[in-house]
Amino acid sequence: MRFLEIEQNTEEWRRQRMGRPTASNFHLILTPLGKLVDSRERKSYMYRLVAERILGEPMPSRFEGNDDTERGIELEPRAAAALEARLGSQLGPGGMVFSDDGRIACSPDRIHRRWAISQPEGMARAVPESVEIKCPAPWTHIGYMIDGPGEKYKPQVQGQILIGGFSRCHFWSYHPRFAPVHVVTEPDEAYLRKMSNALDLFCDQLDQTESWVRRHGNVAEIVKEAMEI
């Protein structure tokens, strides 16, 4: 994997994500049960990425500028400090993490380095763990308190583990007037195998679709061909 230290929600961060499947959208590719998402929804996401590649600009997100996003940006530093107090250690920047081939990426909110004793050497080493921070509305947080984060976050969390080789992922929901919710997710090896295969297939289809659109639908190329006639 390759790590890029970059601030989330900046123009550079959006540019780095552009045209590339990212873990926060893996639920549009694979269900929590390990099955491919309905082809219509999966293709819609694929066409969005193709548009970004060809136009060279990120497509607007439906989450930009809503109350949840603004609340998260405002409260995230406090939430991270609260988790640091819980863990007894500082968190590093999440940045952006790319797979070895660069085809997929994820953006953990933070990275925690847990010290562990390696066997059989008996030496201490830093083991990286991803951190996903949520600062939701009160009713959503209460739902996390009672029911946990639910299966809908499984593709994103396991996707971070797959891309970054993280040993586990911390889900941390913070609201200043309620007790926090802390759930630690371990790798699901069977699910990771299914995810790896599904993402390889999706990326291959993404490349093929981009190639087709460039051959048949790129205005610049059509104009060029017309001028050469």
Protein backbone atom coordinates (compact mmCIF):
# COMPACT_ATOMS: atom_id res chain seq x y z
CA MET A 1 0.00 0.00 0.00
CA ARG A 2 0.98 3.65 -0.44
CA PHE A 3 0.13 6.36 2.09
CA LEU A 4 -0.44 9.99 1.17
CA GLU A 5 -0.73 12.49 4.03
CA ILE A 6 -3.49 14.77 2.87
CA GLU A 7 -6.35 16.63 4.55
CA GLN A 8 -9.80 15.25 3.85
CA ASN A 9 -12.44 17.25 1.97
CA THR A 10 -9.85 19.46 0.27
CA GLU A 11 -9.61 19.96 -3.48
CA GLU A 12 -6.43 17.84 -3.63
CA TRP A 13 -8.14 15.06 -1.66
CA ARG A 14 -11.05 15.08 -4.13
CA ARG A 15 -8.61 15.04 -7.04
CA GLN A 16 -6.77 12.02 -5.65
CA ARG A 17 -10.06 10.12 -5.27
CA MET A 18 -11.27 11.07 -8.73
CA GLY A 19 -12.16 8.14 -10.97
CA ARG A 20 -11.03 5.58 -8.39
CA PRO A 21 -13.24 3.25 -6.31
CA THR A 22 -12.92 4.17 -2.63
CA ALA A 23 -13.87 2.23 0.49
CA SER A 24 -16.68 4.59 1.51
CA ASN A 25 -18.45 3.53 -1.69
CA PHE A 26 -17.68 -0.19 -1.62
CA HIS A 27 -21.27 -0.78 -0.47
CA LEU A 28 -22.19 0.14 -4.05
CA ILE A 29 -20.13 -2.84 -5.27
CA LEU A 30 -20.48 -5.56 -2.62
CA THR A 31 -23.19 -6.16 -0.03
CA PRO A 32 -22.44 -6.90 3.66
CA LEU A 33 -23.30 -10.55 2.86
CA GLY A 34 -20.56 -10.74 0.23
CA LYS A 35 -22.78 -10.61 -2.86
CA LEU A 36 -22.50 -8.25 -5.80
CA VAL A 37 -24.78 -5.24 -5.53
CA ASP A 38 -27.66 -5.02 -8.01
CA SER A 39 -26.21 -4.25 -11.43
CA ARG A 40 -28.12 -0.98 -11.86
CA GLU A 41 -26.69 0.60 -8.70
CA ARG A 42 -23.23 -0.81 -9.36
CA LYS A 43 -23.22 0.52 -12.93
CA SER A 44 -24.43 3.94 -11.78
CA TYR A 45 -21.36 4.22 -9.55
CA MET A 46 -19.13 2.95 -12.37
CA TYR A 47 -20.47 5.52 -14.84
CA ARG A 48 -19.88 8.26 -12.27
CA LEU A 49 -16.21 7.25 -12.02
CA VAL A 50 -15.90 7.08 -15.80
CA ALA A 51 -17.30 10.62 -16.04
CA GLU A 52 -14.68 11.83 -13.54
CA ARG A 53 -11.87 10.21 -15.51
CA ILE A 54 -12.93 11.60 -18.85
CA LEU A 55 -13.92 15.09 -17.70
CA GLY A 56 -10.96 15.35 -15.34
CA GLU A 57 -13.01 16.71 -12.48
CA PRO A 58 -14.70 15.21 -9.40
CA MET A 59 -18.46 14.83 -9.54
CA PRO A 60 -20.36 16.63 -6.74
CA SER A 61 -21.33 14.47 -3.77
CA ARG A 62 -24.87 14.39 -2.43
CA PHE A 63 -23.32 14.61 1.06
CA GLU A 64 -21.55 17.92 0.50
CA GLY A 65 -22.94 20.76 2.54
CA ASN A 66 -25.56 18.80 4.50
CA ASP A 67 -26.00 19.03 8.28
CA ASP A 68 -24.29 15.69 9.01
CA THR A 69 -21.17 16.67 7.06
CA GLU A 70 -20.92 20.08 8.68
CA ARG A 71 -21.45 18.60 12.17
CA GLY A 72 -18.74 16.03 11.50
CA ILE A 73 -16.20 18.63 10.40
CA GLU A 74 -16.92 20.76 13.47
CA LEU A 75 -16.84 17.96 16.07
CA GLU A 76 -14.22 15.61 14.63
CA PRO A 77 -11.22 17.13 16.49
CA ARG A 78 -13.08 16.74 19.82
CA ALA A 79 -14.10 13.22 18.88
CA ALA A 80 -10.53 12.27 18.00
CA ALA A 81 -9.22 13.72 21.28
CA ALA A 82 -11.81 11.68 23.19
CA LEU A 83 -10.70 8.49 21.45
CA GLU A 84 -7.05 9.31 22.16
CA ALA A 85 -7.95 9.57 25.85
CA ARG A 86 -9.71 6.19 25.61
CA LEU A 87 -6.76 4.50 23.89
CA GLY A 88 -4.07 6.29 25.88
CA SER A 89 -2.11 7.21 22.76
CA GLN A 90 -2.12 9.78 20.00
CA LEU A 91 -3.74 9.18 16.63
CA GLY A 92 -1.98 9.92 13.37
CA PRO A 93 -3.53 11.57 10.33
CA GLY A 94 -5.68 9.33 8.19
CA GLY A 95 -4.70 10.82 4.86
CA MET A 96 -5.33 8.60 1.86
CA VAL A 97 -4.21 5.00 1.45
CA PHE A 98 -3.83 3.38 -1.98
CA SER A 99 -3.64 -0.29 -2.86
CA ASP A 100 -0.34 -1.57 -4.25
CA ASP A 101 -1.62 -1.28 -7.84
CA GLY A 102 -3.22 2.13 -7.16
CA ARG A 103 -6.61 1.05 -8.49
CA ILE A 104 -8.53 1.51 -5.22
CA ALA A 105 -8.13 3.74 -2.17
CA CYS A 106 -9.52 4.59 1.25
CA SER A 107 -9.45 7.60 3.56
CA PRO A 108 -9.44 6.59 7.24
CA ASP A 109 -10.26 9.48 9.55
CA ARG A 110 -7.23 8.64 11.68
CA ILE A 111 -4.60 5.91 12.01
CA HIS A 112 -3.77 4.37 15.37
CA ARG A 113 -0.48 2.58 15.92
CA ARG A 114 -0.80 -0.09 18.56
CA TRP A 115 2.35 -1.55 20.05
CA ALA A 116 2.41 -5.34 19.98
CA ILE A 117 4.99 -8.01 20.78
CA SER A 118 5.97 -9.98 17.70
CA GLN A 119 6.45 -13.71 17.97
CA PRO A 120 8.80 -15.53 18.22
CA GLU A 121 11.26 -12.60 18.28
CA GLY A 122 9.62 -11.01 21.29
CA MET A 123 10.22 -7.50 19.96
CA ALA A 124 7.77 -4.61 20.14
CA ARG A 125 6.45 -3.28 16.82
CA ALA A 126 3.86 -0.72 15.80
CA VAL A 127 0.75 -2.30 14.29
CA PRO A 128 -1.37 0.14 12.23
CA GLU A 129 -5.13 0.26 12.78
CA SER A 130 -7.64 2.42 10.91
CA VAL A 131 -10.10 4.69 12.70
CA GLU A 132 -13.54 5.67 11.42
CA ILE A 133 -15.01 8.64 13.33
CA LYS A 134 -18.71 9.51 13.26
CA CYS A 135 -20.31 12.61 14.79
CA PRO A 136 -23.96 11.87 14.02
CA ALA A 137 -27.29 13.39 14.96
CA PRO A 138 -28.48 12.45 18.50
CA TRP A 139 -31.01 9.88 17.29
CA THR A 140 -28.45 8.21 15.03
CA HIS A 141 -25.95 8.05 17.88
CA ILE A 142 -28.56 6.48 20.15
CA GLY A 143 -29.08 3.87 17.45
CA TYR A 144 -25.34 3.13 17.50
CA MET A 145 -25.46 2.86 21.31
CA ILE A 146 -28.24 0.27 21.20
CA ASP A 147 -27.72 -1.57 17.91
CA GLY A 148 -24.09 -0.84 17.01
CA PRO A 149 -22.98 0.50 13.61
CA GLY A 150 -24.81 -2.25 11.76
CA GLU A 151 -23.84 -4.30 8.73
CA LYS A 152 -24.01 -1.35 6.33
CA TYR A 153 -20.51 -0.24 7.36
CA LYS A 154 -18.96 -3.65 6.77
CA PRO A 155 -17.86 -3.00 3.15
CA GLN A 156 -16.20 0.28 4.13
CA VAL A 157 -14.47 -1.06 7.24
CA GLN A 158 -13.31 -4.31 5.66
CA GLY A 159 -12.28 -2.29 2.59
CA GLN A 160 -9.95 -0.19 4.74
CA ILE A 161 -8.46 -3.36 6.19
CA LEU A 162 -7.99 -4.80 2.70
CA ILE A 163 -6.34 -1.74 1.19
CA GLY A 164 -4.16 -0.65 4.09
CA GLY A 165 -3.34 -4.04 5.58
CA PHE A 166 -4.67 -2.73 8.88
CA SER A 167 -4.83 -5.22 11.73
CA ARG A 168 -8.30 -3.95 12.68
CA CYS A 169 -10.59 -0.92 12.49
CA HIS A 170 -11.99 1.29 15.26
CA PHE A 171 -15.53 2.59 14.79
CA TRP A 172 -15.96 5.62 17.08
CA SER A 173 -19.25 7.48 17.30
CA TYR A 174 -19.09 10.69 19.32
CA HIS A 175 -21.77 13.03 20.58
CA PRO A 176 -20.90 15.60 23.28
CA ARG A 177 -24.04 14.82 25.34
CA PHE A 178 -23.96 11.02 25.21
CA ALA A 179 -21.53 8.25 26.03
CA PRO A 180 -19.35 7.39 23.01
CA VAL A 181 -19.72 4.19 21.03
CA HIS A 182 -16.53 2.24 20.40
CA VAL A 183 -16.60 -0.89 18.24
CA VAL A 184 -13.44 -2.68 17.10
CA THR A 185 -13.69 -4.77 13.94
CA GLU A 186 -11.26 -7.57 13.12
CA PRO A 187 -10.49 -8.77 9.57
CA ASP A 188 -13.09 -11.12 8.10
CA GLU A 189 -10.85 -13.26 5.91
CA ALA A 190 -13.65 -14.97 3.96
CA TYR A 191 -15.32 -11.64 3.25
CA LEU A 192 -12.00 -10.04 2.29
CA ARG A 193 -11.45 -12.73 -0.36
CA LYS A 194 -14.89 -12.05 -1.85
CA MET A 195 -14.26 -8.32 -1.72
CA SER A 196 -10.89 -8.62 -3.42
CA ASN A 197 -12.41 -10.62 -6.28
CA ALA A 198 -15.39 -8.24 -6.61
CA LEU A 199 -13.13 -5.17 -6.70
CA ASP A 200 -10.83 -6.73 -9.30
CA LEU A 201 -13.85 -7.43 -11.48
CA PHE A 202 -15.26 -3.94 -10.94
CA CYS A 203 -11.95 -2.24 -11.77
CA ASP A 204 -11.56 -4.30 -14.94
CA GLN A 205 -15.08 -3.36 -16.03
CA LEU A 206 -14.39 0.27 -15.11
CA ASP A 207 -11.32 0.37 -17.36
CA GLN A 208 -13.22 -1.32 -20.20
CA THR A 209 -16.14 1.09 -19.87
CA GLU A 210 -13.84 4.11 -19.88
CA SER A 211 -12.13 2.79 -23.01
CA TRP A 212 -15.48 2.27 -24.74
CA VAL A 213 -16.73 5.76 -23.90
CA ARG A 214 -13.48 7.35 -25.06
CA ARG A 215 -13.81 5.54 -28.39
CA HIS A 216 -17.48 6.32 -28.93
CA GLY A 217 -18.45 9.33 -26.86
CA ASN A 218 -15.52 11.69 -26.39
CA VAL A 219 -16.45 14.95 -28.12
CA ALA A 220 -12.82 16.02 -28.50
CA GLU A 221 -11.98 12.80 -30.34
CA ILE A 222 -15.07 13.07 -32.55
CA VAL A 223 -14.12 16.62 -33.53
CA LYS A 224 -10.56 15.51 -34.21
CA GLU A 225 -11.73 12.67 -36.45
CA ALA A 226 -14.06 15.03 -38.33
CA MET A 227 -11.20 17.47 -38.98
CA GLU A 228 -9.03 14.68 -40.35
CA ILE A 229 -11.65 13.58 -42.90
